[in-house]
PDB file of N, CA and C in Angstrom:
ATOM      1  N   MET A   1     -10.150 -20.736   4.842  1.00  0.00           N
ATOM      2  CA  MET A   1      -9.401 -19.479   4.833  1.00  0.00           C
ATOM      3  C   MET A   1      -9.020 -19.149   3.389  1.00  0.00           C
ATOM      4  N   ILE A   2      -9.193 -17.904   3.042  1.00  0.00           N
ATOM      5  CA  ILE A   2      -8.833 -17.450   1.697  1.00  0.00           C
ATOM      6  C   ILE A   2      -7.424 -16.855   1.747  1.00  0.00           C
ATOM      7  N   MET A   3      -6.583 -17.366   0.873  1.00  0.00           N
ATOM      8  CA  MET A   3      -5.221 -16.860   0.796  1.00  0.00           C
ATOM      9  C   MET A   3      -5.043 -16.167  -0.560  1.00  0.00           C
ATOM     10  N   GLY A   4      -4.227 -15.156  -0.586  1.00  0.00           N
ATOM     11  CA  GLY A   4      -4.016 -14.459  -1.849  1.00  0.00           C
ATOM     12  C   GLY A   4      -2.614 -13.878  -1.922  1.00  0.00           C
ATOM     13  N   TRP A   5      -2.258 -13.499  -3.118  1.00  0.00           N
ATOM     14  CA  TRP A   5      -0.955 -12.881  -3.350  1.00  0.00           C
ATOM     15  C   TRP A   5      -1.192 -11.614  -4.135  1.00  0.00           C
ATOM     16  N   TRP A   6      -0.790 -10.500  -3.565  1.00  0.00           N
ATOM     17  CA  TRP A   6      -0.983  -9.212  -4.234  1.00  0.00           C
ATOM     18  C   TRP A   6       0.356  -8.647  -4.660  1.00  0.00           C
ATOM     19  N   THR A   7       0.388  -8.109  -5.829  1.00  0.00           N
ATOM     20  CA  THR A   7       1.560  -7.352  -6.261  1.00  0.00           C
ATOM     21  C   THR A   7       1.065  -6.009  -6.746  1.00  0.00           C
ATOM     22  N   PHE A   8       1.862  -4.992  -6.510  1.00  0.00           N
ATOM     23  CA  PHE A   8       1.510  -3.665  -6.986  1.00  0.00           C
ATOM     24  C   PHE A   8       2.769  -2.829  -7.072  1.00  0.00           C
ATOM     25  N   GLU A   9       2.684  -1.795  -7.844  1.00  0.00           N
ATOM     26  CA  GLU A   9       3.790  -0.862  -7.965  1.00  0.00           C
ATOM     27  C   GLU A   9       3.341   0.440  -7.319  1.00  0.00           C
ATOM     28  N   ALA A  10       4.154   0.944  -6.428  1.00  0.00           N
ATOM     29  CA  ALA A  10       3.769   2.169  -5.723  1.00  0.00           C
ATOM     30  C   ALA A  10       4.974   3.092  -5.620  1.00  0.00           C
ATOM     31  N   TRP A  11       4.695   4.371  -5.705  1.00  0.00           N
ATOM     32  CA  TRP A  11       5.737   5.369  -5.561  1.00  0.00           C
ATOM     33  C   TRP A  11       5.083   6.675  -5.158  1.00  0.00           C
ATOM     34  N   LYS A  12       5.886   7.652  -4.871  1.00  0.00           N
ATOM     35  CA  LYS A  12       5.369   8.990  -4.607  1.00  0.00           C
ATOM     36  C   LYS A  12       6.194   9.972  -5.412  1.00  0.00           C
ATOM     37  N   GLU A  13       5.730  11.191  -5.455  1.00  0.00           N
ATOM     38  CA  GLU A  13       6.446  12.221  -6.209  1.00  0.00           C
ATOM     39  C   GLU A  13       7.032  13.245  -5.249  1.00  0.00           C
ATOM     40  N   ASP A  14       8.229  13.700  -5.569  1.00  0.00           N
ATOM     41  CA  ASP A  14       8.834  14.743  -4.757  1.00  0.00           C
ATOM     42  C   ASP A  14       8.323  16.106  -5.230  1.00  0.00           C
ATOM     43  N   ALA A  15       8.860  17.171  -4.673  1.00  0.00           N
ATOM     44  CA  ALA A  15       8.384  18.525  -4.979  1.00  0.00           C
ATOM     45  C   ALA A  15       8.521  18.864  -6.460  1.00  0.00           C
ATOM     46  N   GLU A  16       9.497  18.244  -7.138  1.00  0.00           N
ATOM     47  CA  GLU A  16       9.705  18.508  -8.567  1.00  0.00           C
ATOM     48  C   GLU A  16       8.868  17.603  -9.458  1.00  0.00           C
ATOM     49  N   GLY A  17       8.118  16.688  -8.845  1.00  0.00           N
ATOM     50  CA  GLY A  17       7.287  15.782  -9.633  1.00  0.00           C
ATOM     51  C   GLY A  17       8.009  14.532 -10.089  1.00  0.00           C
ATOM     52  N   ASP A  18       9.211  14.309  -9.567  1.00  0.00           N
ATOM     53  CA  ASP A  18       9.956  13.103  -9.926  1.00  0.00           C
ATOM     54  C   ASP A  18       9.520  11.934  -9.044  1.00  0.00           C
ATOM     55  N   ARG A  19       9.503  10.743  -9.640  1.00  0.00           N
ATOM     56  CA  ARG A  19       9.156   9.553  -8.867  1.00  0.00           C
ATOM     57  C   ARG A  19      10.275   9.222  -7.894  1.00  0.00           C
ATOM     58  N   VAL A  20       9.887   8.927  -6.661  1.00  0.00           N
ATOM     59  CA  VAL A  20      10.847   8.496  -5.643  1.00  0.00           C
ATOM     60  C   VAL A  20      10.285   7.260  -4.945  1.00  0.00           C
ATOM     61  N   ASP A  21      11.187   6.425  -4.435  1.00  0.00           N
ATOM     62  CA  ASP A  21      10.768   5.213  -3.750  1.00  0.00           C
ATOM     63  C   ASP A  21      10.069   5.556  -2.432  1.00  0.00           C
ATOM     64  N   LEU A  22       9.199   4.653  -2.010  1.00  0.00           N
ATOM     65  CA  LEU A  22       8.530   4.813  -0.731  1.00  0.00           C
ATOM     66  C   LEU A  22       9.485   4.443   0.394  1.00  0.00           C
ATOM     67  N   ASP A  23       9.333   5.118   1.512  1.00  0.00           N
ATOM     68  CA  ASP A  23      10.165   4.766   2.660  1.00  0.00           C
ATOM     69  C   ASP A  23       9.388   3.822   3.589  1.00  0.00           C
ATOM     70  N   GLU A  24      10.016   3.414   4.671  1.00  0.00           N
ATOM     71  CA  GLU A  24       9.413   2.425   5.571  1.00  0.00           C
ATOM     72  C   GLU A  24       8.075   2.897   6.138  1.00  0.00           C
ATOM     73  N   ALA A  25       7.977   4.171   6.480  1.00  0.00           N
ATOM     74  CA  ALA A  25       6.716   4.699   7.028  1.00  0.00           C
ATOM     75  C   ALA A  25       5.596   4.618   5.999  1.00  0.00           C
ATOM     76  N   ASP A  26       5.900   4.896   4.731  1.00  0.00           N
ATOM     77  CA  ASP A  26       4.889   4.792   3.677  1.00  0.00           C
ATOM     78  C   ASP A  26       4.402   3.350   3.551  1.00  0.00           C
ATOM     79  N   LEU A  27       5.336   2.405   3.569  1.00  0.00           N
ATOM     80  CA  LEU A  27       4.973   0.996   3.422  1.00  0.00           C
ATOM     81  C   LEU A  27       4.126   0.520   4.597  1.00  0.00           C
ATOM     82  N   GLU A  28       4.448   0.977   5.802  1.00  0.00           N
ATOM     83  CA  GLU A  28       3.660   0.602   6.975  1.00  0.00           C
ATOM     84  C   GLU A  28       2.244   1.166   6.867  1.00  0.00           C
ATOM     85  N   HIS A  29       2.118   2.389   6.354  1.00  0.00           N
ATOM     86  CA  HIS A  29       0.804   3.005   6.187  1.00  0.00           C
ATOM     87  C   HIS A  29      -0.031   2.233   5.162  1.00  0.00           C
ATOM     88  N   ILE A  30       0.593   1.839   4.066  1.00  0.00           N
ATOM     89  CA  ILE A  30      -0.109   1.047   3.048  1.00  0.00           C
ATOM     90  C   ILE A  30      -0.576  -0.276   3.659  1.00  0.00           C
ATOM     91  N   ALA A  31       0.284  -0.928   4.427  1.00  0.00           N
ATOM     92  CA  ALA A  31      -0.081  -2.199   5.055  1.00  0.00           C
ATOM     93  C   ALA A  31      -1.270  -2.015   6.001  1.00  0.00           C
ATOM     94  N   GLU A  32      -1.291  -0.916   6.743  1.00  0.00           N
ATOM     95  CA  GLU A  32      -2.406  -0.643   7.648  1.00  0.00           C
ATOM     96  C   GLU A  32      -3.700  -0.448   6.864  1.00  0.00           C
ATOM     97  N   LEU A  33      -3.636   0.277   5.758  1.00  0.00           N
ATOM     98  CA  LEU A  33      -4.834   0.505   4.949  1.00  0.00           C
ATOM     99  C   LEU A  33      -5.367  -0.805   4.378  1.00  0.00           C
ATOM    100  N   ILE A  34      -4.462  -1.667   3.908  1.00  0.00           N
ATOM    101  CA  ILE A  34      -4.873  -2.966   3.370  1.00  0.00           C
ATOM    102  C   ILE A  34      -5.519  -3.797   4.478  1.00  0.00           C
ATOM    103  N   GLN A  35      -4.908  -3.812   5.657  1.00  0.00           N
ATOM    104  CA  GLN A  35      -5.447  -4.598   6.771  1.00  0.00           C
ATOM    105  C   GLN A  35      -6.818  -4.071   7.178  1.00  0.00           C
ATOM    106  N   GLU A  36      -6.988  -2.769   7.259  1.00  0.00           N
ATOM    107  CA  GLU A  36      -8.277  -2.185   7.623  1.00  0.00           C
ATOM    108  C   GLU A  36      -9.341  -2.540   6.590  1.00  0.00           C
ATOM    109  N   GLY A  37      -8.996  -2.471   5.318  1.00  0.00           N
ATOM    110  CA  GLY A  37      -9.946  -2.825   4.270  1.00  0.00           C
ATOM    111  C   GLY A  37     -10.315  -4.285   4.321  1.00  0.00           C
ATOM    112  N   TYR A  38      -9.333  -5.125   4.599  1.00  0.00           N
ATOM    113  CA  TYR A  38      -9.586  -6.571   4.656  1.00  0.00           C
ATOM    114  C   TYR A  38     -10.505  -6.906   5.831  1.00  0.00           C
ATOM    115  N   THR A  39     -10.220  -6.341   7.007  1.00  0.00           N
ATOM    116  CA  THR A  39     -11.012  -6.684   8.184  1.00  0.00           C
ATOM    117  C   THR A  39     -12.404  -6.066   8.125  1.00  0.00           C
ATOM    118  N   SER A  40     -12.575  -4.990   7.364  1.00  0.00           N
ATOM    119  CA  SER A  40     -13.904  -4.385   7.251  1.00  0.00           C
ATOM    120  C   SER A  40     -14.698  -4.978   6.097  1.00  0.00           C
ATOM    121  N   GLY A  41     -14.073  -5.868   5.319  1.00  0.00           N
ATOM    122  CA  GLY A  41     -14.770  -6.518   4.225  1.00  0.00           C
ATOM    123  C   GLY A  41     -14.775  -5.712   2.941  1.00  0.00           C
ATOM    124  N   GLU A  42     -13.989  -4.639   2.880  1.00  0.00           N
ATOM    125  CA  GLU A  42     -13.981  -3.808   1.678  1.00  0.00           C
ATOM    126  C   GLU A  42     -13.088  -4.363   0.590  1.00  0.00           C
ATOM    127  N   VAL A  43     -12.168  -5.238   0.946  1.00  0.00           N
ATOM    128  CA  VAL A  43     -11.264  -5.835  -0.032  1.00  0.00           C
ATOM    129  C   VAL A  43     -11.752  -7.236  -0.333  1.00  0.00           C
ATOM    130  N   SER A  44     -11.901  -7.541  -1.605  1.00  0.00           N
ATOM    131  CA  SER A  44     -12.369  -8.886  -1.945  1.00  0.00           C
ATOM    132  C   SER A  44     -11.418  -9.528  -2.932  1.00  0.00           C
TER     133      SER A  44
END
């Protein structure tokens, strides 16, 4: 089994273009995208 540790910085911009923190829904969406990429073999 391959184990790894990923770190990244993520944010979004509000209507004025200011950086704002991601909320729980954003984090869940990112986790889903990572999982889909991993299970499809797109993430190495």
